[in-house]
Amino acid sequence: MVMLIDVSYFTYGPRRIQNASTAEVPDSDSISVNEAIDGYIKTFQKEFLFNIVGEELAKIVTDYLELTEEDGGNEKQETETKYGKLCGELRDPFADYVFYHILRDMNEQPTMTGLVMLKCANAYVSPLTRQVSIWNGMVGKNRRFVEWAKNNSFDIKVSKNLLTYINTFNL
């Protein structure tokens, strides 16, 4: 599966994840963190695309990503083509969407006997406030994307969920 984003979206700023790395030769901690991030990207990309542009356009975007990957991922092509520009507009909100889900799952690990809380040398804090902040930032970006898409003649079908702000009380 060709991915809309990569680990680099999680190496700096508010989405920074400890040990995420774009180094050519990452250390063993970075390898496992990068693999986990890639897993989240692969898991949520199709769902995000369906919910932000609709099923038909999501298939076109996926095909476009596969074609550009086969061509070597030409950056100039991305900034000059209609679907390249669309992908460019979707990357940042999708990174927020992935990070929201990473935060949701960060303190627990499923095992055959149930969910266990992960142990760490550091003290854990609730990710709830950060989740709300990331989600609401994504909603703002999605709302701007909707306007951009209308102005650029894209027929999108956006899930109301991706345009709805949340709070810490889940209201």
C-alpha atoms as a PDB file:
ATOM      1  CA  MET A   1       0.000   0.000   0.000  1.00  0.00           C
ATOM      2  CA  VAL A   2       1.303   3.416  -0.971  1.00  0.00           C
ATOM      3  CA  MET A   3       0.985   5.841   1.914  1.00  0.00           C
ATOM      4  CA  LEU A   4      -0.198   9.447   1.806  1.00  0.00           C
ATOM      5  CA  ILE A   5       2.224  10.393   4.615  1.00  0.00           C
ATOM      6  CA  ASP A   6       5.286   8.898   6.257  1.00  0.00           C
ATOM      7  CA  VAL A   7       7.090   8.895   9.599  1.00  0.00           C
ATOM      8  CA  SER A   8       8.559  12.360   8.948  1.00  0.00           C
ATOM      9  CA  TYR A   9       5.224  13.913  10.023  1.00  0.00           C
ATOM     10  CA  PHE A  10       5.881  12.575  13.537  1.00  0.00           C
ATOM     11  CA  THR A  11       9.461  13.735  14.088  1.00  0.00           C
ATOM     12  CA  TYR A  12       8.868  17.384  15.055  1.00  0.00           C
ATOM     13  CA  GLY A  13       6.290  19.831  16.342  1.00  0.00           C
ATOM     14  CA  PRO A  14       3.106  18.938  18.239  1.00  0.00           C
ATOM     15  CA  ARG A  15       2.962  15.480  16.633  1.00  0.00           C
ATOM     16  CA  ARG A  16       6.518  14.559  17.651  1.00  0.00           C
ATOM     17  CA  ILE A  17       6.819  10.982  18.867  1.00  0.00           C
ATOM     18  CA  GLN A  18       9.893   9.975  20.849  1.00  0.00           C
ATOM     19  CA  ASN A  19      12.288   7.825  18.785  1.00  0.00           C
ATOM     20  CA  ALA A  20      10.466   8.406  15.486  1.00  0.00           C
ATOM     21  CA  SER A  21      13.268   8.871  12.987  1.00  0.00           C
ATOM     22  CA  THR A  22      13.894   9.463   9.319  1.00  0.00           C
ATOM     23  CA  ALA A  23      17.590   8.561   9.641  1.00  0.00           C
ATOM     24  CA  GLU A  24      18.966   6.292   6.931  1.00  0.00           C
ATOM     25  CA  VAL A  25      20.204   3.915   9.621  1.00  0.00           C
ATOM     26  CA  PRO A  26      17.819   4.245  12.580  1.00  0.00           C
ATOM     27  CA  ASP A  27      18.574   2.595  15.908  1.00  0.00           C
ATOM     28  CA  SER A  28      16.533  -0.380  17.145  1.00  0.00           C
ATOM     29  CA  ASP A  29      14.155   1.827  19.166  1.00  0.00           C
ATOM     30  CA  SER A  30      13.456   3.966  16.119  1.00  0.00           C
ATOM     31  CA  ILE A  31      12.830   0.944  13.924  1.00  0.00           C
ATOM     32  CA  SER A  32      10.053  -0.358  16.180  1.00  0.00           C
ATOM     33  CA  VAL A  33       8.523   3.125  16.606  1.00  0.00           C
ATOM     34  CA  ASN A  34       8.629   3.745  12.838  1.00  0.00           C
ATOM     35  CA  GLU A  35       6.999   0.368  12.170  1.00  0.00           C
ATOM     36  CA  ALA A  36       4.217   1.166  14.645  1.00  0.00           C
ATOM     37  CA  ILE A  37       3.607   4.567  13.018  1.00  0.00           C
ATOM     38  CA  ASP A  38       3.563   2.980   9.543  1.00  0.00           C
ATOM     39  CA  GLY A  39       1.014   0.469  10.841  1.00  0.00           C
ATOM     40  CA  TYR A  40      -1.288   3.271  11.983  1.00  0.00           C
ATOM     41  CA  ILE A  41      -0.903   5.090   8.666  1.00  0.00           C
ATOM     42  CA  LYS A  42      -1.756   1.960   6.697  1.00  0.00           C
ATOM     43  CA  THR A  43      -4.677   1.133   8.988  1.00  0.00           C
ATOM     44  CA  PHE A  44      -6.347   4.544   8.852  1.00  0.00           C
ATOM     45  CA  GLN A  45      -5.528   5.896   5.376  1.00  0.00           C
ATOM     46  CA  LYS A  46      -8.429   4.274   3.525  1.00  0.00           C
ATOM     47  CA  GLU A  47     -10.910   5.221   6.271  1.00  0.00           C
ATOM     48  CA  PHE A  48      -9.706   8.829   6.322  1.00  0.00           C
ATOM     49  CA  LEU A  49      -9.843   9.199   2.538  1.00  0.00           C
ATOM     50  CA  PHE A  50     -13.361   7.717   2.368  1.00  0.00           C
ATOM     51  CA  ASN A  51     -14.531  10.095   5.093  1.00  0.00           C
ATOM     52  CA  ILE A  52     -12.867  13.258   3.782  1.00  0.00           C
ATOM     53  CA  VAL A  53     -13.483  12.995   0.008  1.00  0.00           C
ATOM     54  CA  GLY A  54     -15.976  10.154  -0.489  1.00  0.00           C
ATOM     55  CA  GLU A  55     -15.584   6.661  -1.874  1.00  0.00           C
ATOM     56  CA  GLU A  56     -15.175   7.528  -5.557  1.00  0.00           C
ATOM     57  CA  LEU A  57     -12.537  10.207  -5.087  1.00  0.00           C
ATOM     58  CA  ALA A  58     -10.775   8.104  -2.417  1.00  0.00           C
ATOM     59  CA  LYS A  59     -10.225   5.381  -5.035  1.00  0.00           C
ATOM     60  CA  ILE A  60      -8.876   7.953  -7.495  1.00  0.00           C
ATOM     61  CA  VAL A  61      -6.475   9.352  -4.873  1.00  0.00           C
ATOM     62  CA  THR A  62      -5.275   5.840  -3.994  1.00  0.00           C
ATOM     63  CA  ASP A  63      -4.687   5.061  -7.679  1.00  0.00           C
ATOM     64  CA  TYR A  64      -2.881   8.383  -8.103  1.00  0.00           C
ATOM     65  CA  LEU A  65      -0.579   7.594  -5.156  1.00  0.00           C
ATOM     66  CA  GLU A  66       0.243   4.191  -6.622  1.00  0.00           C
ATOM     67  CA  LEU A  67       1.010   5.687 -10.038  1.00  0.00           C
ATOM     68  CA  THR A  68       3.274   8.391  -8.626  1.00  0.00           C
ATOM     69  CA  GLU A  69       5.068   5.785  -6.504  1.00  0.00           C
ATOM     70  CA  GLU A  70       5.737   3.758  -9.650  1.00  0.00           C
ATOM     71  CA  ASP A  71       7.083   6.921 -11.321  1.00  0.00           C
ATOM     72  CA  GLY A  72       9.432   7.559  -8.416  1.00  0.00           C
ATOM     73  CA  GLY A  73       7.325  10.155  -6.556  1.00  0.00           C
ATOM     74  CA  ASN A  74       8.173  13.245  -8.630  1.00  0.00           C
ATOM     75  CA  GLU A  75       7.687  16.309  -6.368  1.00  0.00           C
ATOM     76  CA  LYS A  76       7.137  18.624  -9.337  1.00  0.00           C
ATOM     77  CA  GLN A  77       4.313  16.405 -10.572  1.00  0.00           C
ATOM     78  CA  GLU A  78       2.657  16.600  -7.158  1.00  0.00           C
ATOM     79  CA  THR A  79       2.620  20.390  -7.071  1.00  0.00           C
ATOM     80  CA  GLU A  80       1.438  20.738 -10.667  1.00  0.00           C
ATOM     81  CA  THR A  81      -1.239  18.064 -11.086  1.00  0.00           C
ATOM     82  CA  LYS A  82      -4.821  18.290  -9.854  1.00  0.00           C
ATOM     83  CA  TYR A  83      -4.612  15.146  -7.726  1.00  0.00           C
ATOM     84  CA  GLY A  84      -1.111  15.987  -6.554  1.00  0.00           C
ATOM     85  CA  LYS A  85      -2.413  19.246  -5.133  1.00  0.00           C
ATOM     86  CA  LEU A  86      -5.334  17.386  -3.545  1.00  0.00           C
ATOM     87  CA  CYS A  87      -2.921  14.954  -1.845  1.00  0.00           C
ATOM     88  CA  GLY A  88      -0.834  17.871  -0.651  1.00  0.00           C
ATOM     89  CA  GLU A  89      -3.882  19.429   1.005  1.00  0.00           C
ATOM     90  CA  LEU A  90      -4.802  16.147   2.724  1.00  0.00           C
ATOM     91  CA  ARG A  91      -1.431  15.221   4.215  1.00  0.00           C
ATOM     92  CA  ASP A  92      -1.370  17.469   7.282  1.00  0.00           C
ATOM     93  CA  PRO A  93      -4.934  16.751   8.456  1.00  0.00           C
ATOM     94  CA  PHE A  94      -4.344  13.033   7.865  1.00  0.00           C
ATOM     95  CA  ALA A  95      -1.213  13.176  10.034  1.00  0.00           C
ATOM     96  CA  ASP A  96      -3.361  14.730  12.795  1.00  0.00           C
ATOM     97  CA  TYR A  97      -5.945  11.964  12.329  1.00  0.00           C
ATOM     98  CA  VAL A  98      -3.264   9.284  12.692  1.00  0.00           C
ATOM     99  CA  PHE A  99      -1.719  11.000  15.706  1.00  0.00           C
ATOM    100  CA  TYR A 100      -5.137  11.220  17.393  1.00  0.00           C
ATOM    101  CA  HIS A 101      -5.477   7.446  17.066  1.00  0.00           C
ATOM    102  CA  ILE A 102      -1.924   6.829  18.268  1.00  0.00           C
ATOM    103  CA  LEU A 103      -2.654   8.913  21.380  1.00  0.00           C
ATOM    104  CA  ARG A 104      -5.872   6.973  21.959  1.00  0.00           C
ATOM    105  CA  ASP A 105      -4.000   3.681  22.062  1.00  0.00           C
ATOM    106  CA  MET A 106      -0.714   4.715  23.680  1.00  0.00           C
ATOM    107  CA  ASN A 107      -1.172   3.529  27.281  1.00  0.00           C
ATOM    108  CA  GLU A 108      -2.521   0.055  26.568  1.00  0.00           C
ATOM    109  CA  GLN A 109      -1.278  -3.078  24.888  1.00  0.00           C
ATOM    110  CA  PRO A 110      -3.594  -5.934  23.901  1.00  0.00           C
ATOM    111  CA  THR A 111      -2.518  -9.408  24.991  1.00  0.00           C
ATOM    112  CA  MET A 112      -4.240 -12.778  24.801  1.00  0.00           C
ATOM    113  CA  THR A 113      -5.479 -12.287  28.372  1.00  0.00           C
ATOM    114  CA  GLY A 114      -6.779  -8.722  27.930  1.00  0.00           C
ATOM    115  CA  LEU A 115      -5.574  -5.135  27.773  1.00  0.00           C
ATOM    116  CA  VAL A 116      -2.609  -4.280  29.952  1.00  0.00           C
ATOM    117  CA  MET A 117      -1.326  -0.854  30.931  1.00  0.00           C
ATOM    118  CA  LEU A 118       2.185  -0.314  29.607  1.00  0.00           C
ATOM    119  CA  LYS A 119       4.952   0.223  32.140  1.00  0.00           C
ATOM    120  CA  CYS A 120       7.471   2.983  31.768  1.00  0.00           C
ATOM    121  CA  ALA A 121      10.243   4.694  33.706  1.00  0.00           C
ATOM    122  CA  ASN A 122       8.411   7.977  33.157  1.00  0.00           C
ATOM    123  CA  ALA A 123       5.100   8.916  34.783  1.00  0.00           C
ATOM    124  CA  TYR A 124       2.075   8.639  32.531  1.00  0.00           C
ATOM    125  CA  VAL A 125      -0.300  11.510  31.942  1.00  0.00           C
ATOM    126  CA  SER A 126      -3.686  11.307  30.331  1.00  0.00           C
ATOM    127  CA  PRO A 127      -3.541  11.917  26.566  1.00  0.00           C
ATOM    128  CA  LEU A 128      -7.096  13.286  26.580  1.00  0.00           C
ATOM    129  CA  THR A 129      -6.270  17.007  26.419  1.00  0.00           C
ATOM    130  CA  ARG A 130      -3.710  16.409  23.669  1.00  0.00           C
ATOM    131  CA  GLN A 131      -6.176  14.249  21.733  1.00  0.00           C
ATOM    132  CA  VAL A 132      -8.795  16.998  21.853  1.00  0.00           C
ATOM    133  CA  SER A 133      -6.256  19.590  20.746  1.00  0.00           C
ATOM    134  CA  ILE A 134      -5.027  17.465  17.832  1.00  0.00           C
ATOM    135  CA  TRP A 135      -8.561  16.512  16.758  1.00  0.00           C
ATOM    136  CA  ASN A 136      -9.772  20.107  16.832  1.00  0.00           C
ATOM    137  CA  GLY A 137      -6.710  21.244  14.895  1.00  0.00           C
ATOM    138  CA  MET A 138      -7.514  18.599  12.298  1.00  0.00           C
ATOM    139  CA  VAL A 139     -11.160  19.746  12.140  1.00  0.00           C
ATOM    140  CA  GLY A 140     -10.005  23.298  11.407  1.00  0.00           C
ATOM    141  CA  LYS A 141      -7.727  22.006   8.631  1.00  0.00           C
ATOM    142  CA  ASN A 142     -10.550  19.840   7.270  1.00  0.00           C
ATOM    143  CA  ARG A 143     -12.902  22.811   7.148  1.00  0.00           C
ATOM    144  CA  ARG A 144     -10.303  24.809   5.227  1.00  0.00           C
ATOM    145  CA  PHE A 145      -9.829  21.796   2.956  1.00  0.00           C
ATOM    146  CA  VAL A 146     -13.567  21.700   2.181  1.00  0.00           C
ATOM    147  CA  GLU A 147     -13.414  25.339   1.056  1.00  0.00           C
ATOM    148  CA  TRP A 148     -10.257  24.678  -0.948  1.00  0.00           C
ATOM    149  CA  ALA A 149     -11.867  21.650  -2.634  1.00  0.00           C
ATOM    150  CA  LYS A 150     -14.967  23.661  -3.585  1.00  0.00           C
ATOM    151  CA  ASN A 151     -12.808  26.429  -5.050  1.00  0.00           C
ATOM    152  CA  ASN A 152     -10.832  23.854  -7.049  1.00  0.00           C
ATOM    153  CA  SER A 153     -13.848  22.011  -8.493  1.00  0.00           C
ATOM    154  CA  PHE A 154     -13.547  18.789  -6.516  1.00  0.00           C
ATOM    155  CA  ASP A 155     -16.801  16.972  -5.835  1.00  0.00           C
ATOM    156  CA  ILE A 156     -16.155  15.743  -2.299  1.00  0.00           C
ATOM    157  CA  LYS A 157     -18.418  14.024   0.191  1.00  0.00           C
ATOM    158  CA  VAL A 158     -17.158  14.758   3.709  1.00  0.00           C
ATOM    159  CA  SER A 159     -18.248  12.893   6.819  1.00  0.00           C
ATOM    160  CA  LYS A 160     -19.760  15.281   9.348  1.00  0.00           C
ATOM    161  CA  ASN A 161     -17.608  13.595  12.002  1.00  0.00           C
ATOM    162  CA  LEU A 162     -14.412  15.020  10.471  1.00  0.00           C
ATOM    163  CA  LEU A 163     -15.859  18.546  10.665  1.00  0.00           C
ATOM    164  CA  THR A 164     -17.073  18.385  14.271  1.00  0.00           C
ATOM    165  CA  TYR A 165     -15.061  19.834  17.134  1.00  0.00           C
ATOM    166  CA  ILE A 166     -14.830  17.833  20.362  1.00  0.00           C
ATOM    167  CA  ASN A 167     -14.075  18.615  24.005  1.00  0.00           C
ATOM    168  CA  THR A 168     -12.628  16.669  26.918  1.00  0.00           C
ATOM    169  CA  PHE A 169     -16.130  15.651  28.025  1.00  0.00           C
ATOM    170  CA  ASN A 170     -16.819  14.013  24.642  1.00  0.00           C
ATOM    171  CA  LEU A 171     -19.771  16.378  24.041  1.00  0.00           C
END
